[in-house]
């Protein structure tokens, strides 16, 4: 997946917390979020206002949580593992390592159940 496809998928799956996100989709999307955030902070600094970057941060929060959940699903982890970064200081390190892992192609029980519903 290239940069454009990853950004498109990021916005297309805005609130999709199910499924999987590849490493390239995850990291390209985060790169896009950071680039836009830095540009908006610069604009805010120039116009002496903080509202533009604040709106962007709020707008990007939900799709970022959804994308991160899908990335964790891709390595067969629960999306709830994101809470490690919020409550345990060392949890951020574990999450970064997990985000870098290759996809786990094993089929999970929940995926099999979805087929037979």
Protein backbone atom coordinates (compact mmCIF):
# COMPACT_ATOMS: atom_id res chain seq x y z
CA UNK A 1 0.00 0.00 0.00
CA UNK A 2 1.41 3.39 -0.95
CA UNK A 3 1.05 6.73 0.85
CA UNK A 4 -2.07 7.87 -1.05
CA UNK A 5 -3.88 4.56 -0.60
CA UNK A 6 -3.07 4.56 3.12
CA UNK A 7 -4.44 8.07 3.63
CA UNK A 8 -7.53 7.20 1.59
CA UNK A 9 -8.07 4.06 3.69
CA UNK A 10 -7.56 6.11 6.87
CA UNK A 11 -10.46 8.40 5.97
CA UNK A 12 -12.61 5.68 4.38
CA UNK A 13 -12.44 3.58 7.56
CA UNK A 14 -13.02 6.61 9.78
CA UNK A 15 -14.93 4.72 12.50
CA UNK A 16 -14.29 1.12 11.48
CA UNK A 17 -12.94 -0.68 14.54
CA UNK A 18 -13.14 -4.15 12.97
CA UNK A 19 -10.84 -5.73 10.46
CA UNK A 20 -7.13 -5.30 9.99
CA UNK A 21 -4.66 -2.55 9.04
CA UNK A 22 -1.32 -3.41 7.47
CA UNK A 23 1.94 -1.93 8.68
CA UNK A 24 2.19 0.31 5.63
CA UNK A 25 -1.36 1.62 6.10
CA UNK A 26 -0.68 2.28 9.77
CA UNK A 27 2.68 4.05 9.41
CA UNK A 28 1.78 6.06 6.29
CA UNK A 29 -1.40 7.24 7.99
CA UNK A 30 0.53 8.26 11.09
CA UNK A 31 3.03 10.10 8.88
CA UNK A 32 0.14 11.97 7.27
CA UNK A 33 -1.34 12.85 10.68
CA UNK A 34 2.02 14.17 11.90
CA UNK A 35 2.72 16.18 8.73
CA UNK A 36 -0.71 17.83 8.81
CA UNK A 37 -0.36 18.45 12.55
CA UNK A 38 3.03 20.14 12.18
CA UNK A 39 1.79 22.32 9.32
CA UNK A 40 -1.26 23.38 11.33
CA UNK A 41 0.86 24.18 14.41
CA UNK A 42 3.04 26.40 12.21
CA UNK A 43 -0.07 28.11 10.82
CA UNK A 44 -1.42 28.53 14.36
CA UNK A 45 1.88 30.09 15.44
CA UNK A 46 1.83 32.53 12.53
CA UNK A 47 -1.75 33.64 13.17
CA UNK A 48 -1.27 33.46 16.96
CA UNK A 49 -4.16 31.08 17.37
CA UNK A 50 -4.37 27.49 18.55
CA UNK A 51 -7.83 26.60 17.30
CA UNK A 52 -6.88 25.14 13.91
CA UNK A 53 -4.49 22.48 15.22
CA UNK A 54 -6.85 21.74 18.11
CA UNK A 55 -9.70 21.06 15.68
CA UNK A 56 -7.42 18.80 13.63
CA UNK A 57 -6.37 16.87 16.73
CA UNK A 58 -10.00 16.30 17.71
CA UNK A 59 -10.99 15.36 14.15
CA UNK A 60 -8.12 12.87 13.85
CA UNK A 61 -8.65 11.27 17.28
CA UNK A 62 -11.43 8.82 16.42
CA UNK A 63 -10.02 7.59 13.09
CA UNK A 64 -6.60 7.21 14.73
CA UNK A 65 -8.08 5.06 17.49
CA UNK A 66 -9.92 2.99 14.86
CA UNK A 67 -6.80 2.55 12.74
CA UNK A 68 -4.72 1.59 15.78
CA UNK A 69 -7.35 -0.96 16.79
CA UNK A 70 -7.26 -2.47 13.29
CA UNK A 71 -3.44 -2.59 13.43
CA UNK A 72 -3.57 -4.46 16.73
CA UNK A 73 -6.13 -6.85 15.21
CA UNK A 74 -3.65 -7.49 12.39
CA UNK A 75 -1.21 -8.97 14.91
CA UNK A 76 -4.01 -10.79 16.77
CA UNK A 77 -4.15 -8.40 19.73
CA UNK A 78 -7.20 -6.71 21.18
CA UNK A 79 -7.78 -3.04 20.45
CA UNK A 80 -8.04 -2.54 24.19
CA UNK A 81 -4.26 -2.92 24.38
CA UNK A 82 -4.09 0.78 23.40
CA UNK A 83 -4.86 1.52 27.03
CA UNK A 84 -1.37 0.28 27.91
CA UNK A 85 0.06 3.56 26.66
CA UNK A 86 -2.35 5.59 28.79
CA UNK A 87 -2.01 3.81 32.12
CA UNK A 88 1.39 2.12 32.11
CA UNK A 89 4.45 4.22 31.17
CA UNK A 90 6.33 1.26 29.69
CA UNK A 91 3.21 0.26 27.75
CA UNK A 92 4.06 2.71 24.97
CA UNK A 93 7.25 0.79 24.25
CA UNK A 94 5.37 -2.50 24.01
CA UNK A 95 2.81 -0.93 21.66
CA UNK A 96 5.48 0.49 19.35
CA UNK A 97 7.10 -2.95 19.14
CA UNK A 98 3.72 -4.51 18.35
CA UNK A 99 2.97 -1.87 15.69
CA UNK A 100 6.22 -2.86 13.95
CA UNK A 101 5.46 -6.59 13.93
CA UNK A 102 4.62 -8.40 10.72
CA UNK A 103 1.00 -9.30 10.15
CA UNK A 104 -0.21 -12.51 11.72
CA UNK A 105 -2.04 -14.42 9.01
CA UNK A 106 -3.54 -17.04 11.29
CA UNK A 107 -7.31 -17.15 11.23
CA UNK A 108 -8.93 -16.29 14.54
CA UNK A 109 -12.08 -17.83 15.97
CA UNK A 110 -13.99 -14.54 15.67
CA UNK A 111 -13.25 -14.42 11.93
CA UNK A 112 -14.58 -17.96 11.52
CA UNK A 113 -17.72 -17.06 13.48
CA UNK A 114 -18.37 -14.07 11.18
CA UNK A 115 -18.35 -16.37 8.15
CA UNK A 116 -21.09 -18.56 9.59
CA UNK A 117 -23.41 -15.78 10.77
